[in-house]
């Protein structure tokens, strides 16, 4: 891996760590030495979650799937509801390759809404 790719990856890891810190209220940091020692890219000492960060030139199909989920969530929000407050459905993509585990994708901005829905605010 060249220096430009390493720098690009490290910059993205810092970006994710900063955004997670802002969104979740725990301090997230890059895991230093992970390239040498193995392990994930971003974590917090406060929570048991380890993030592996991938920055690629093209992930078109994943973004297409998320776009479809966003449209479906917006359509769901347009349906008449018995809720008093306006509903905001969180778009989530679940996918699985052959002979592999299912993976979940959601927009980082939606992580607090997702957790609130799952954990019950």
PDB file of N, CA and C in Angstrom:
ATOM      1  N   UNK A   1       0.850  -1.172   0.000  1.00  0.00           N
ATOM      2  CA  UNK A   1       0.000   0.000   0.000  1.00  0.00           C
ATOM      3  C   UNK A   1       0.893   1.232   0.000  1.00  0.00           C
ATOM      4  N   UNK A   2       0.604   2.169  -0.882  1.00  0.00           N
ATOM      5  CA  UNK A   2       1.398   3.381  -0.992  1.00  0.00           C
ATOM      6  C   UNK A   2       1.069   4.403   0.080  1.00  0.00           C
ATOM      7  N   UNK A   3       1.930   5.413   0.172  1.00  0.00           N
ATOM      8  CA  UNK A   3       1.771   6.454   1.181  1.00  0.00           C
ATOM      9  C   UNK A   3       0.448   7.207   1.007  1.00  0.00           C
ATOM     10  N   UNK A   4       0.058   7.505  -0.235  1.00  0.00           N
ATOM     11  CA  UNK A   4      -1.198   8.224  -0.468  1.00  0.00           C
ATOM     12  C   UNK A   4      -2.397   7.429   0.035  1.00  0.00           C
ATOM     13  N   UNK A   5      -2.408   6.119  -0.214  1.00  0.00           N
ATOM     14  CA  UNK A   5      -3.516   5.283   0.269  1.00  0.00           C
ATOM     15  C   UNK A   5      -3.542   5.221   1.797  1.00  0.00           C
ATOM     16  N   UNK A   6      -2.360   5.110   2.417  1.00  0.00           N
ATOM     17  CA  UNK A   6      -2.301   5.086   3.887  1.00  0.00           C
ATOM     18  C   UNK A   6      -2.822   6.396   4.461  1.00  0.00           C
ATOM     19  N   UNK A   7      -2.392   7.511   3.870  1.00  0.00           N
ATOM     20  CA  UNK A   7      -2.856   8.817   4.349  1.00  0.00           C
ATOM     21  C   UNK A   7      -4.360   8.977   4.164  1.00  0.00           C
ATOM     22  N   UNK A   8      -4.855   8.538   3.023  1.00  0.00           N
ATOM     23  CA  UNK A   8      -6.293   8.631   2.748  1.00  0.00           C
ATOM     24  C   UNK A   8      -7.070   7.814   3.780  1.00  0.00           C
ATOM     25  N   UNK A   9      -6.600   6.599   4.069  1.00  0.00           N
ATOM     26  CA  UNK A   9      -7.253   5.749   5.066  1.00  0.00           C
ATOM     27  C   UNK A   9      -7.198   6.358   6.451  1.00  0.00           C
ATOM     28  N   UNK A  10      -6.044   6.873   6.849  1.00  0.00           N
ATOM     29  CA  UNK A  10      -5.896   7.481   8.171  1.00  0.00           C
ATOM     30  C   UNK A  10      -6.784   8.715   8.315  1.00  0.00           C
ATOM     31  N   UNK A  11      -6.868   9.532   7.260  1.00  0.00           N
ATOM     32  CA  UNK A  11      -7.738  10.709   7.299  1.00  0.00           C
ATOM     33  C   UNK A  11      -9.195  10.309   7.461  1.00  0.00           C
ATOM     34  N   UNK A  12      -9.602   9.246   6.755  1.00  0.00           N
ATOM     35  CA  UNK A  12     -10.980   8.788   6.877  1.00  0.00           C
ATOM     36  C   UNK A  12     -11.255   8.240   8.277  1.00  0.00           C
ATOM     37  N   UNK A  13     -10.321   7.513   8.847  1.00  0.00           N
ATOM     38  CA  UNK A  13     -10.479   7.005  10.206  1.00  0.00           C
ATOM     39  C   UNK A  13     -10.653   8.154  11.196  1.00  0.00           C
ATOM     40  N   UNK A  14      -9.860   9.212  11.054  1.00  0.00           N
ATOM     41  CA  UNK A  14     -10.011  10.391  11.921  1.00  0.00           C
ATOM     42  C   UNK A  14     -11.381  11.031  11.727  1.00  0.00           C
ATOM     43  N   UNK A  15     -11.821  11.130  10.479  1.00  0.00           N
ATOM     44  CA  UNK A  15     -13.132  11.707  10.171  1.00  0.00           C
ATOM     45  C   UNK A  15     -14.243  10.906  10.857  1.00  0.00           C
ATOM     46  N   UNK A  16     -14.187   9.582  10.746  1.00  0.00           N
ATOM     47  CA  UNK A  16     -15.194   8.723  11.376  1.00  0.00           C
ATOM     48  C   UNK A  16     -15.134   8.863  12.892  1.00  0.00           C
ATOM     49  N   UNK A  17     -13.946   8.860  13.466  1.00  0.00           N
ATOM     50  CA  UNK A  17     -13.793   8.995  14.922  1.00  0.00           C
ATOM     51  C   UNK A  17     -14.403  10.308  15.405  1.00  0.00           C
ATOM     52  N   UNK A  18     -14.133  11.396  14.708  1.00  0.00           N
ATOM     53  CA  UNK A  18     -14.687  12.697  15.097  1.00  0.00           C
ATOM     54  C   UNK A  18     -16.204  12.721  14.988  1.00  0.00           C
ATOM     55  N   UNK A  19     -16.738  12.159  13.910  1.00  0.00           N
ATOM     56  CA  UNK A  19     -18.192  12.162  13.728  1.00  0.00           C
ATOM     57  C   UNK A  19     -18.882  11.282  14.767  1.00  0.00           C
ATOM     58  N   UNK A  20     -18.310  10.124  15.064  1.00  0.00           N
ATOM     59  CA  UNK A  20     -18.877   9.265  16.110  1.00  0.00           C
ATOM     60  C   UNK A  20     -18.847   9.959  17.466  1.00  0.00           C
ATOM     61  N   UNK A  21     -17.755  10.648  17.764  1.00  0.00           N
ATOM     62  CA  UNK A  21     -17.651  11.387  19.025  1.00  0.00           C
ATOM     63  C   UNK A  21     -18.763  12.425  19.115  1.00  0.00           C
ATOM     64  N   UNK A  22     -18.987  13.175  18.033  1.00  0.00           N
ATOM     65  CA  UNK A  22     -20.039  14.197  18.016  1.00  0.00           C
ATOM     66  C   UNK A  22     -21.427  13.580  18.154  1.00  0.00           C
ATOM     67  N   UNK A  23     -21.671  12.455  17.466  1.00  0.00           N
ATOM     68  CA  UNK A  23     -22.997  11.848  17.445  1.00  0.00           C
ATOM     69  C   UNK A  23     -23.331  11.091  18.726  1.00  0.00           C
ATOM     70  N   UNK A  24     -22.363  10.387  19.295  1.00  0.00           N
ATOM     71  CA  UNK A  24     -22.654   9.470  20.388  1.00  0.00           C
ATOM     72  C   UNK A  24     -22.232   9.963  21.768  1.00  0.00           C
ATOM     73  N   UNK A  25     -21.432  11.022  21.821  1.00  0.00           N
ATOM     74  CA  UNK A  25     -21.056  11.574  23.113  1.00  0.00           C
ATOM     75  C   UNK A  25     -19.967  10.811  23.847  1.00  0.00           C
ATOM     76  N   UNK A  26     -19.361   9.837  23.204  1.00  0.00           N
ATOM     77  CA  UNK A  26     -18.196   9.136  23.749  1.00  0.00           C
ATOM     78  C   UNK A  26     -17.007   9.516  22.881  1.00  0.00           C
ATOM     79  N   UNK A  27     -15.830   9.552  23.473  1.00  0.00           N
ATOM     80  CA  UNK A  27     -14.660   9.905  22.686  1.00  0.00           C
ATOM     81  C   UNK A  27     -14.158   8.685  21.915  1.00  0.00           C
ATOM     82  N   UNK A  28     -14.227   8.781  20.602  1.00  0.00           N
ATOM     83  CA  UNK A  28     -13.713   7.731  19.725  1.00  0.00           C
ATOM     84  C   UNK A  28     -12.388   8.203  19.143  1.00  0.00           C
ATOM     85  N   UNK A  29     -11.461   7.257  18.999  1.00  0.00           N
ATOM     86  CA  UNK A  29     -10.134   7.559  18.471  1.00  0.00           C
ATOM     87  C   UNK A  29      -9.697   6.468  17.509  1.00  0.00           C
ATOM     88  N   UNK A  30      -8.757   6.854  16.645  1.00  0.00           N
ATOM     89  CA  UNK A  30      -8.114   5.853  15.791  1.00  0.00           C
ATOM     90  C   UNK A  30      -7.324   4.898  16.664  1.00  0.00           C
ATOM     91  N   UNK A  31      -7.294   3.655  16.267  1.00  0.00           N
ATOM     92  CA  UNK A  31      -6.458   2.662  16.940  1.00  0.00           C
ATOM     93  C   UNK A  31      -5.089   2.747  16.283  1.00  0.00           C
ATOM     94  N   UNK A  32      -4.117   3.248  17.006  1.00  0.00           N
ATOM     95  CA  UNK A  32      -2.778   3.404  16.446  1.00  0.00           C
ATOM     96  C   UNK A  32      -2.067   2.062  16.432  1.00  0.00           C
ATOM     97  N   UNK A  33      -1.339   1.813  15.372  1.00  0.00           N
ATOM     98  CA  UNK A  33      -0.591   0.575  15.239  1.00  0.00           C
ATOM     99  C   UNK A  33      -1.407  -0.593  14.727  1.00  0.00           C
ATOM    100  N   UNK A  34      -2.669  -0.342  14.312  1.00  0.00           N
ATOM    101  CA  UNK A  34      -3.497  -1.460  13.879  1.00  0.00           C
ATOM    102  C   UNK A  34      -2.982  -2.091  12.594  1.00  0.00           C
ATOM    103  N   UNK A  35      -2.307  -1.309  11.765  1.00  0.00           N
ATOM    104  CA  UNK A  35      -1.757  -1.880  10.538  1.00  0.00           C
ATOM    105  C   UNK A  35      -0.663  -2.899  10.861  1.00  0.00           C
ATOM    106  N   UNK A  36       0.120  -2.590  11.865  1.00  0.00           N
ATOM    107  CA  UNK A  36       1.205  -3.484  12.282  1.00  0.00           C
ATOM    108  C   UNK A  36       0.679  -4.629  13.150  1.00  0.00           C
ATOM    109  N   UNK A  37      -0.207  -4.302  14.108  1.00  0.00           N
ATOM    110  CA  UNK A  37      -0.641  -5.271  15.118  1.00  0.00           C
ATOM    111  C   UNK A  37      -1.937  -5.991  14.767  1.00  0.00           C
ATOM    112  N   UNK A  38      -2.653  -5.496  13.772  1.00  0.00           N
ATOM    113  CA  UNK A  38      -3.973  -6.053  13.475  1.00  0.00           C
ATOM    114  C   UNK A  38      -5.017  -5.398  14.361  1.00  0.00           C
ATOM    115  N   UNK A  39      -6.263  -5.616  14.052  1.00  0.00           N
ATOM    116  CA  UNK A  39      -7.341  -5.043  14.851  1.00  0.00           C
ATOM    117  C   UNK A  39      -8.117  -4.021  14.064  1.00  0.00           C
ATOM    118  N   UNK A  40      -9.091  -3.417  14.711  1.00  0.00           N
ATOM    119  CA  UNK A  40      -9.968  -2.452  14.064  1.00  0.00           C
ATOM    120  C   UNK A  40      -9.324  -1.093  13.944  1.00  0.00           C
ATOM    121  N   UNK A  41     -10.109  -0.156  13.412  1.00  0.00           N
ATOM    122  CA  UNK A  41      -9.591   1.178  13.093  1.00  0.00           C
ATOM    123  C   UNK A  41      -9.986   2.253  14.092  1.00  0.00           C
ATOM    124  N   UNK A  42     -11.212   2.185  14.630  1.00  0.00           N
ATOM    125  CA  UNK A  42     -11.720   3.247  15.503  1.00  0.00           C
ATOM    126  C   UNK A  42     -12.446   2.597  16.671  1.00  0.00           C
ATOM    127  N   UNK A  43     -12.166   3.093  17.875  1.00  0.00           N
ATOM    128  CA  UNK A  43     -12.872   2.593  19.052  1.00  0.00           C
ATOM    129  C   UNK A  43     -12.887   3.642  20.146  1.00  0.00           C
ATOM    130  N   UNK A  44     -13.688   3.360  21.173  1.00  0.00           N
ATOM    131  CA  UNK A  44     -13.765   4.198  22.357  1.00  0.00           C
ATOM    132  C   UNK A  44     -13.451   3.334  23.565  1.00  0.00           C
ATOM    133  N   UNK A  45     -12.858   3.928  24.573  1.00  0.00           N
ATOM    134  CA  UNK A  45     -12.616   3.196  25.818  1.00  0.00           C
ATOM    135  C   UNK A  45     -13.906   3.029  26.610  1.00  0.00           C
ATOM    136  N   UNK A  46     -14.961   3.789  26.243  1.00  0.00           N
ATOM    137  CA  UNK A  46     -16.207   3.800  27.007  1.00  0.00           C
ATOM    138  C   UNK A  46     -17.214   2.739  26.574  1.00  0.00           C
ATOM    139  N   UNK A  47     -17.142   2.279  25.329  1.00  0.00           N
ATOM    140  CA  UNK A  47     -18.120   1.320  24.816  1.00  0.00           C
ATOM    141  C   UNK A  47     -17.401   0.190  24.094  1.00  0.00           C
ATOM    142  N   UNK A  48     -18.022  -0.970  24.091  1.00  0.00           N
ATOM    143  CA  UNK A  48     -17.427  -2.146  23.461  1.00  0.00           C
ATOM    144  C   UNK A  48     -17.874  -2.261  22.012  1.00  0.00           C
ATOM    145  N   UNK A  49     -17.463  -1.320  21.201  1.00  0.00           N
ATOM    146  CA  UNK A  49     -17.752  -1.332  19.766  1.00  0.00           C
ATOM    147  C   UNK A  49     -16.445  -1.028  19.051  1.00  0.00           C
ATOM    148  N   UNK A  50     -16.157  -1.809  18.040  1.00  0.00           N
ATOM    149  CA  UNK A  50     -14.951  -1.611  17.246  1.00  0.00           C
ATOM    150  C   UNK A  50     -15.373  -1.390  15.798  1.00  0.00           C
ATOM    151  N   UNK A  51     -14.946  -0.302  15.212  1.00  0.00           N
ATOM    152  CA  UNK A  51     -15.304   0.047  13.841  1.00  0.00           C
ATOM    153  C   UNK A  51     -14.137  -0.246  12.904  1.00  0.00           C
ATOM    154  N   UNK A  52     -14.420  -0.951  11.849  1.00  0.00           N
ATOM    155  CA  UNK A  52     -13.475  -1.163  10.752  1.00  0.00           C
ATOM    156  C   UNK A  52     -13.887  -0.183   9.665  1.00  0.00           C
ATOM    157  N   UNK A  53     -13.015   0.703   9.276  1.00  0.00           N
ATOM    158  CA  UNK A  53     -13.341   1.763   8.317  1.00  0.00           C
ATOM    159  C   UNK A  53     -12.760   1.435   6.947  1.00  0.00           C
ATOM    160  N   UNK A  54     -13.574   1.535   5.940  1.00  0.00           N
ATOM    161  CA  UNK A  54     -13.138   1.271   4.565  1.00  0.00           C
ATOM    162  C   UNK A  54     -13.483   2.468   3.698  1.00  0.00           C
ATOM    163  N   UNK A  55     -12.501   2.972   3.007  1.00  0.00           N
ATOM    164  CA  UNK A  55     -12.707   4.081   2.071  1.00  0.00           C
ATOM    165  C   UNK A  55     -12.298   3.576   0.702  1.00  0.00           C
ATOM    166  N   UNK A  56     -13.245   3.483  -0.209  1.00  0.00           N
ATOM    167  CA  UNK A  56     -12.985   2.957  -1.543  1.00  0.00           C
ATOM    168  C   UNK A  56     -13.436   3.966  -2.583  1.00  0.00           C
ATOM    169  N   UNK A  57     -12.837   3.885  -3.731  1.00  0.00           N
ATOM    170  CA  UNK A  57     -13.170   4.782  -4.827  1.00  0.00           C
ATOM    171  C   UNK A  57     -14.626   4.585  -5.268  1.00  0.00           C
ATOM    172  N   UNK A  58     -15.077   3.335  -5.327  1.00  0.00           N
ATOM    173  CA  UNK A  58     -16.435   3.085  -5.806  1.00  0.00           C
ATOM    174  C   UNK A  58     -17.121   1.999  -4.995  1.00  0.00           C
ATOM    175  N   UNK A  59     -18.259   2.321  -4.474  1.00  0.00           N
ATOM    176  CA  UNK A  59     -19.144   1.378  -3.799  1.00  0.00           C
ATOM    177  C   UNK A  59     -20.560   1.614  -4.313  1.00  0.00           C
ATOM    178  N   UNK A  60     -20.673   1.796  -5.607  1.00  0.00           N
ATOM    179  CA  UNK A  60     -21.919   2.233  -6.224  1.00  0.00           C
ATOM    180  C   UNK A  60     -23.117   1.393  -5.813  1.00  0.00           C
ATOM    181  N   UNK A  61     -22.989   0.064  -5.830  1.00  0.00           N
ATOM    182  CA  UNK A  61     -24.156  -0.766  -5.526  1.00  0.00           C
ATOM    183  C   UNK A  61     -24.641  -0.526  -4.099  1.00  0.00           C
ATOM    184  N   UNK A  62     -23.739  -0.310  -3.148  1.00  0.00           N
ATOM    185  CA  UNK A  62     -24.154  -0.060  -1.770  1.00  0.00           C
ATOM    186  C   UNK A  62     -24.930   1.251  -1.666  1.00  0.00           C
ATOM    187  N   UNK A  63     -24.466   2.273  -2.375  1.00  0.00           N
ATOM    188  CA  UNK A  63     -25.172   3.556  -2.357  1.00  0.00           C
ATOM    189  C   UNK A  63     -26.517   3.447  -3.065  1.00  0.00           C
ATOM    190  N   UNK A  64     -26.584   2.646  -4.123  1.00  0.00           N
ATOM    191  CA  UNK A  64     -27.864   2.417  -4.795  1.00  0.00           C
ATOM    192  C   UNK A  64     -28.844   1.747  -3.840  1.00  0.00           C
ATOM    193  N   UNK A  65     -28.353   0.758  -3.087  1.00  0.00           N
ATOM    194  CA  UNK A  65     -29.221   0.084  -2.125  1.00  0.00           C
ATOM    195  C   UNK A  65     -29.691   1.054  -1.043  1.00  0.00           C
ATOM    196  N   UNK A  66     -28.794   1.915  -0.564  1.00  0.00           N
ATOM    197  CA  UNK A  66     -29.180   2.884   0.463  1.00  0.00           C
ATOM    198  C   UNK A  66     -30.180   3.881  -0.096  1.00  0.00           C
ATOM    199  N   UNK A  67     -29.978   4.328  -1.335  1.00  0.00           N
ATOM    200  CA  UNK A  67     -30.942   5.242  -1.968  1.00  0.00           C
ATOM    201  C   UNK A  67     -32.328   4.611  -2.010  1.00  0.00           C
ATOM    202  N   UNK A  68     -32.389   3.326  -2.332  1.00  0.00           N
ATOM    203  CA  UNK A  68     -33.668   2.622  -2.360  1.00  0.00           C
ATOM    204  C   UNK A  68     -34.291   2.580  -0.958  1.00  0.00           C
ATOM    205  N   UNK A  69     -33.481   2.325   0.059  1.00  0.00           N
ATOM    206  CA  UNK A  69     -33.976   2.294   1.437  1.00  0.00           C
ATOM    207  C   UNK A  69     -34.467   3.673   1.876  1.00  0.00           C
ATOM    208  N   UNK A  70     -33.784   4.739   1.452  1.00  0.00           N
ATOM    209  CA  UNK A  70     -34.192   6.103   1.806  1.00  0.00           C
ATOM    210  C   UNK A  70     -35.546   6.423   1.193  1.00  0.00           C
ATOM    211  N   UNK A  71     -35.730   6.061  -0.075  1.00  0.00           N
ATOM    212  CA  UNK A  71     -37.016   6.303  -0.747  1.00  0.00           C
ATOM    213  C   UNK A  71     -38.118   5.512  -0.044  1.00  0.00           C
ATOM    214  N   UNK A  72     -37.858   4.256   0.280  1.00  0.00           N
ATOM    215  CA  UNK A  72     -38.860   3.429   0.963  1.00  0.00           C
ATOM    216  C   UNK A  72     -39.206   3.988   2.339  1.00  0.00           C
ATOM    217  N   UNK A  73     -38.201   4.472   3.072  1.00  0.00           N
ATOM    218  CA  UNK A  73     -38.452   5.064   4.393  1.00  0.00           C
ATOM    219  C   UNK A  73     -39.306   6.321   4.264  1.00  0.00           C
ATOM    220  N   UNK A  74     -39.015   7.147   3.256  1.00  0.00           N
ATOM    221  CA  UNK A  74     -39.810   8.361   3.037  1.00  0.00           C
ATOM    222  C   UNK A  74     -41.248   8.004   2.683  1.00  0.00           C
ATOM    223  N   UNK A  75     -41.444   6.968   1.887  1.00  0.00           N
ATOM    224  CA  UNK A  75     -42.796   6.529   1.544  1.00  0.00           C
ATOM    225  C   UNK A  75     -43.520   6.024   2.786  1.00  0.00           C
ATOM    226  N   UNK A  76     -42.808   5.325   3.645  1.00  0.00           N
ATOM    227  CA  UNK A  76     -43.396   4.840   4.890  1.00  0.00           C
ATOM    228  C   UNK A  76     -43.843   6.015   5.761  1.00  0.00           C
ATOM    229  N   UNK A  77     -43.037   7.062   5.803  1.00  0.00           N
ATOM    230  CA  UNK A  77     -43.367   8.240   6.602  1.00  0.00           C
ATOM    231  C   UNK A  77     -44.588   8.973   6.059  1.00  0.00           C
ATOM    232  N   UNK A  78     -44.899   8.804   4.783  1.00  0.00           N
ATOM    233  CA  UNK A  78     -46.042   9.478   4.163  1.00  0.00           C
ATOM    234  C   UNK A  78     -47.361   8.765   4.454  1.00  0.00           C
ATOM    235  N   UNK A  79     -47.309   7.517   4.894  1.00  0.00           N
ATOM    236  CA  UNK A  79     -48.522   6.752   5.185  1.00  0.00           C
ATOM    237  C   UNK A  79     -49.197   7.335   6.419  1.00  0.00           C
ATOM    238  N   UNK A  80     -50.533   7.303   6.451  1.00  0.00           N
ATOM    239  CA  UNK A  80     -51.230   7.786   7.652  1.00  0.00           C
ATOM    240  C   UNK A  80     -50.840   6.948   8.867  1.00  0.00           C
ATOM    241  N   UNK A  81     -50.538   7.617   9.929  1.00  0.00           N
ATOM    242  CA  UNK A  81     -50.084   6.943  11.144  1.00  0.00           C
ATOM    243  C   UNK A  81     -50.978   7.338  12.306  1.00  0.00           C
ATOM    244  N   UNK A  82     -50.994   6.523  13.317  1.00  0.00           N
ATOM    245  CA  UNK A  82     -51.729   6.867  14.524  1.00  0.00           C
ATOM    246  C   UNK A  82     -50.845   7.614  15.519  1.00  0.00           C
ATOM    247  N   UNK A  83     -49.599   7.869  15.145  1.00  0.00           N
ATOM    248  CA  UNK A  83     -48.668   8.570  16.033  1.00  0.00           C
ATOM    249  C   UNK A  83     -48.999  10.063  16.065  1.00  0.00           C
ATOM    250  N   UNK A  84     -48.796  10.672  17.210  1.00  0.00           N
ATOM    251  CA  UNK A  84     -49.011  12.117  17.337  1.00  0.00           C
ATOM    252  C   UNK A  84     -47.839  12.866  16.709  1.00  0.00           C
ATOM    253  N   UNK A  85     -46.640  12.472  17.044  1.00  0.00           N
ATOM    254  CA  UNK A  85     -45.450  13.142  16.508  1.00  0.00           C
ATOM    255  C   UNK A  85     -45.181  12.643  15.088  1.00  0.00           C
ATOM    256  N   UNK A  86     -44.578  13.487  14.241  1.00  0.00           N
ATOM    257  CA  UNK A  86     -44.229  13.020  12.899  1.00  0.00           C
ATOM    258  C   UNK A  86     -43.225  11.871  12.984  1.00  0.00           C
ATOM    259  N   UNK A  87     -43.458  10.878  12.183  1.00  0.00           N
ATOM    260  CA  UNK A  87     -42.610   9.704  12.183  1.00  0.00           C
ATOM    261  C   UNK A  87     -41.427   9.925  11.261  1.00  0.00           C
ATOM    262  N   UNK A  88     -40.269   9.423  11.637  1.00  0.00           N
ATOM    263  CA  UNK A  88     -39.101   9.445  10.774  1.00  0.00           C
ATOM    264  C   UNK A  88     -38.521   8.046  10.759  1.00  0.00           C
ATOM    265  N   UNK A  89     -38.818   7.328   9.700  1.00  0.00           N
ATOM    266  CA  UNK A  89     -38.339   5.966   9.563  1.00  0.00           C
ATOM    267  C   UNK A  89     -36.859   5.964   9.209  1.00  0.00           C
ATOM    268  N   UNK A  90     -36.078   5.153   9.894  1.00  0.00           N
ATOM    269  CA  UNK A  90     -34.640   5.074   9.667  1.00  0.00           C
ATOM    270  C   UNK A  90     -34.366   4.066   8.545  1.00  0.00           C
ATOM    271  N   UNK A  91     -33.717   4.508   7.455  1.00  0.00           N
ATOM    272  CA  UNK A  91     -33.389   3.570   6.379  1.00  0.00           C
ATOM    273  C   UNK A  91     -32.174   2.721   6.750  1.00  0.00           C
ATOM    274  N   UNK A  92     -32.312   1.414   6.580  1.00  0.00           N
ATOM    275  CA  UNK A  92     -31.246   0.466   6.886  1.00  0.00           C
ATOM    276  C   UNK A  92     -31.181  -0.553   5.755  1.00  0.00           C
ATOM    277  N   UNK A  93     -29.984  -0.926   5.349  1.00  0.00           N
ATOM    278  CA  UNK A  93     -29.779  -1.954   4.334  1.00  0.00           C
ATOM    279  C   UNK A  93     -29.145  -3.165   5.022  1.00  0.00           C
ATOM    280  N   UNK A  94     -29.717  -4.332   4.776  1.00  0.00           N
ATOM    281  CA  UNK A  94     -29.136  -5.589   5.246  1.00  0.00           C
ATOM    282  C   UNK A  94     -28.797  -6.405   4.005  1.00  0.00           C
ATOM    283  N   UNK A  95     -27.581  -6.930   3.930  1.00  0.00           N
ATOM    284  CA  UNK A  95     -27.215  -7.721   2.763  1.00  0.00           C
ATOM    285  C   UNK A  95     -26.305  -8.873   3.171  1.00  0.00           C
ATOM    286  N   UNK A  96     -26.251  -9.861   2.290  1.00  0.00           N
ATOM    287  CA  UNK A  96     -25.432 -11.034   2.584  1.00  0.00           C
ATOM    288  C   UNK A  96     -24.946 -11.629   1.272  1.00  0.00           C
ATOM    289  N   UNK A  97     -23.693 -11.971   1.230  1.00  0.00           N
ATOM    290  CA  UNK A  97     -23.139 -12.711   0.112  1.00  0.00           C
ATOM    291  C   UNK A  97     -23.347 -14.203   0.335  1.00  0.00           C
ATOM    292  N   UNK A  98     -23.186 -14.975  -0.700  1.00  0.00           N
ATOM    293  CA  UNK A  98     -23.302 -16.423  -0.571  1.00  0.00           C
ATOM    294  C   UNK A  98     -22.293 -16.939   0.446  1.00  0.00           C
ATOM    295  N   UNK A  99     -22.741 -17.811   1.305  1.00  0.00           N
ATOM    296  CA  UNK A  99     -21.884 -18.442   2.323  1.00  0.00           C
ATOM    297  C   UNK A  99     -21.214 -17.423   3.240  1.00  0.00           C
ATOM    298  N   UNK A 100     -21.906 -16.332   3.530  1.00  0.00           N
ATOM    299  CA  UNK A 100     -21.357 -15.293   4.407  1.00  0.00           C
ATOM    300  C   UNK A 100     -22.445 -14.818   5.366  1.00  0.00           C
ATOM    301  N   UNK A 101     -22.034 -14.067   6.376  1.00  0.00           N
ATOM    302  CA  UNK A 101     -22.991 -13.509   7.329  1.00  0.00           C
ATOM    303  C   UNK A 101     -23.645 -12.261   6.752  1.00  0.00           C
ATOM    304  N   UNK A 102     -24.846 -11.972   7.231  1.00  0.00           N
ATOM    305  CA  UNK A 102     -25.519 -10.739   6.846  1.00  0.00           C
ATOM    306  C   UNK A 102     -24.811  -9.545   7.481  1.00  0.00           C
ATOM    307  N   UNK A 103     -24.785  -8.442   6.750  1.00  0.00           N
ATOM    308  CA  UNK A 103     -24.202  -7.189   7.228  1.00  0.00           C
ATOM    309  C   UNK A 103     -25.268  -6.111   7.193  1.00  0.00           C
ATOM    310  N   UNK A 104     -25.113  -5.100   8.035  1.00  0.00           N
ATOM    311  CA  UNK A 104     -26.063  -4.000   8.135  1.00  0.00           C
ATOM    312  C   UNK A 104     -25.352  -2.712   7.759  1.00  0.00           C
ATOM    313  N   UNK A 105     -26.032  -1.891   6.957  1.00  0.00           N
ATOM    314  CA  UNK A 105     -25.506  -0.579   6.593  1.00  0.00           C
ATOM    315  C   UNK A 105     -26.554   0.465   6.977  1.00  0.00           C
ATOM    316  N   UNK A 106     -26.115   1.516   7.653  1.00  0.00           N
ATOM    317  CA  UNK A 106     -26.960   2.671   7.869  1.00  0.00           C
ATOM    318  C   UNK A 106     -26.093   3.913   7.794  1.00  0.00           C
ATOM    319  N   UNK A 107     -26.719   5.036   7.501  1.00  0.00           N
ATOM    320  CA  UNK A 107     -25.960   6.282   7.432  1.00  0.00           C
ATOM    321  C   UNK A 107     -25.493   6.642   8.845  1.00  0.00           C
ATOM    322  N   UNK A 108     -24.276   7.129   8.944  1.00  0.00           N
ATOM    323  CA  UNK A 108     -23.717   7.468  10.252  1.00  0.00           C
ATOM    324  C   UNK A 108     -24.589   8.499  10.968  1.00  0.00           C
ATOM    325  N   UNK A 109     -25.171   9.431  10.213  1.00  0.00           N
ATOM    326  CA  UNK A 109     -26.052  10.440  10.812  1.00  0.00           C
ATOM    327  C   UNK A 109     -27.283   9.817  11.466  1.00  0.00           C
ATOM    328  N   UNK A 110     -27.655   8.600  11.043  1.00  0.00           N
ATOM    329  CA  UNK A 110     -28.863   7.947  11.556  1.00  0.00           C
ATOM    330  C   UNK A 110     -28.597   7.033  12.744  1.00  0.00           C
ATOM    331  N   UNK A 111     -27.352   6.943  13.194  1.00  0.00           N
ATOM    332  CA  UNK A 111     -27.024   5.957  14.226  1.00  0.00           C
ATOM    333  C   UNK A 111     -27.750   6.233  15.544  1.00  0.00           C
ATOM    334  N   UNK A 112     -27.908   7.490  15.924  1.00  0.00           N
ATOM    335  CA  UNK A 112     -28.600   7.786  17.181  1.00  0.00           C
ATOM    336  C   UNK A 112     -30.095   7.501  17.059  1.00  0.00           C
ATOM    337  N   UNK A 113     -30.696   7.829  15.902  1.00  0.00           N
ATOM    338  CA  UNK A 113     -32.104   7.507  15.687  1.00  0.00           C
ATOM    339  C   UNK A 113     -32.319   6.000  15.694  1.00  0.00           C
ATOM    340  N   UNK A 114     -31.411   5.271  15.049  1.00  0.00           N
ATOM    341  CA  UNK A 114     -31.484   3.813  15.012  1.00  0.00           C
ATOM    342  C   UNK A 114     -31.422   3.235  16.421  1.00  0.00           C
ATOM    343  N   UNK A 115     -30.446   3.690  17.183  1.00  0.00           N
ATOM    344  CA  UNK A 115     -30.299   3.200  18.566  1.00  0.00           C
ATOM    345  C   UNK A 115     -31.525   3.547  19.394  1.00  0.00           C
ATOM    346  N   UNK A 116     -32.065   4.741  19.207  1.00  0.00           N
ATOM    347  CA  UNK A 116     -33.271   5.133  19.933  1.00  0.00           C
ATOM    348  C   UNK A 116     -34.462   4.246  19.617  1.00  0.00           C
ATOM    349  N   UNK A 117     -34.609   3.904  18.349  1.00  0.00           N
ATOM    350  CA  UNK A 117     -35.710   3.017  17.946  1.00  0.00           C
ATOM    351  C   UNK A 117     -35.509   1.618  18.523  1.00  0.00           C
ATOM    352  N   UNK A 118     -34.288   1.117  18.447  1.00  0.00           N
ATOM    353  CA  UNK A 118     -34.018  -0.247  18.914  1.00  0.00           C
ATOM    354  C   UNK A 118     -34.094  -0.341  20.432  1.00  0.00           C
ATOM    355  N   UNK A 119     -33.530   0.668  21.107  1.00  0.00           N
ATOM    356  CA  UNK A 119     -33.470   0.631  22.572  1.00  0.00           C
ATOM    357  C   UNK A 119     -34.672   1.281  23.260  1.00  0.00           C
ATOM    358  N   UNK A 120     -35.510   1.968  22.465  1.00  0.00           N
ATOM    359  CA  UNK A 120     -36.696   2.588  23.036  1.00  0.00           C
ATOM    360  C   UNK A 120     -36.421   3.906  23.713  1.00  0.00           C
ATOM    361  N   UNK A 121     -35.692   4.800  23.040  1.00  0.00           N
ATOM    362  CA  UNK A 121     -35.344   6.134  23.547  1.00  0.00           C
ATOM    363  C   UNK A 121     -34.968   6.066  25.000  1.00  0.00           C
TER     364      UNK A 121
END
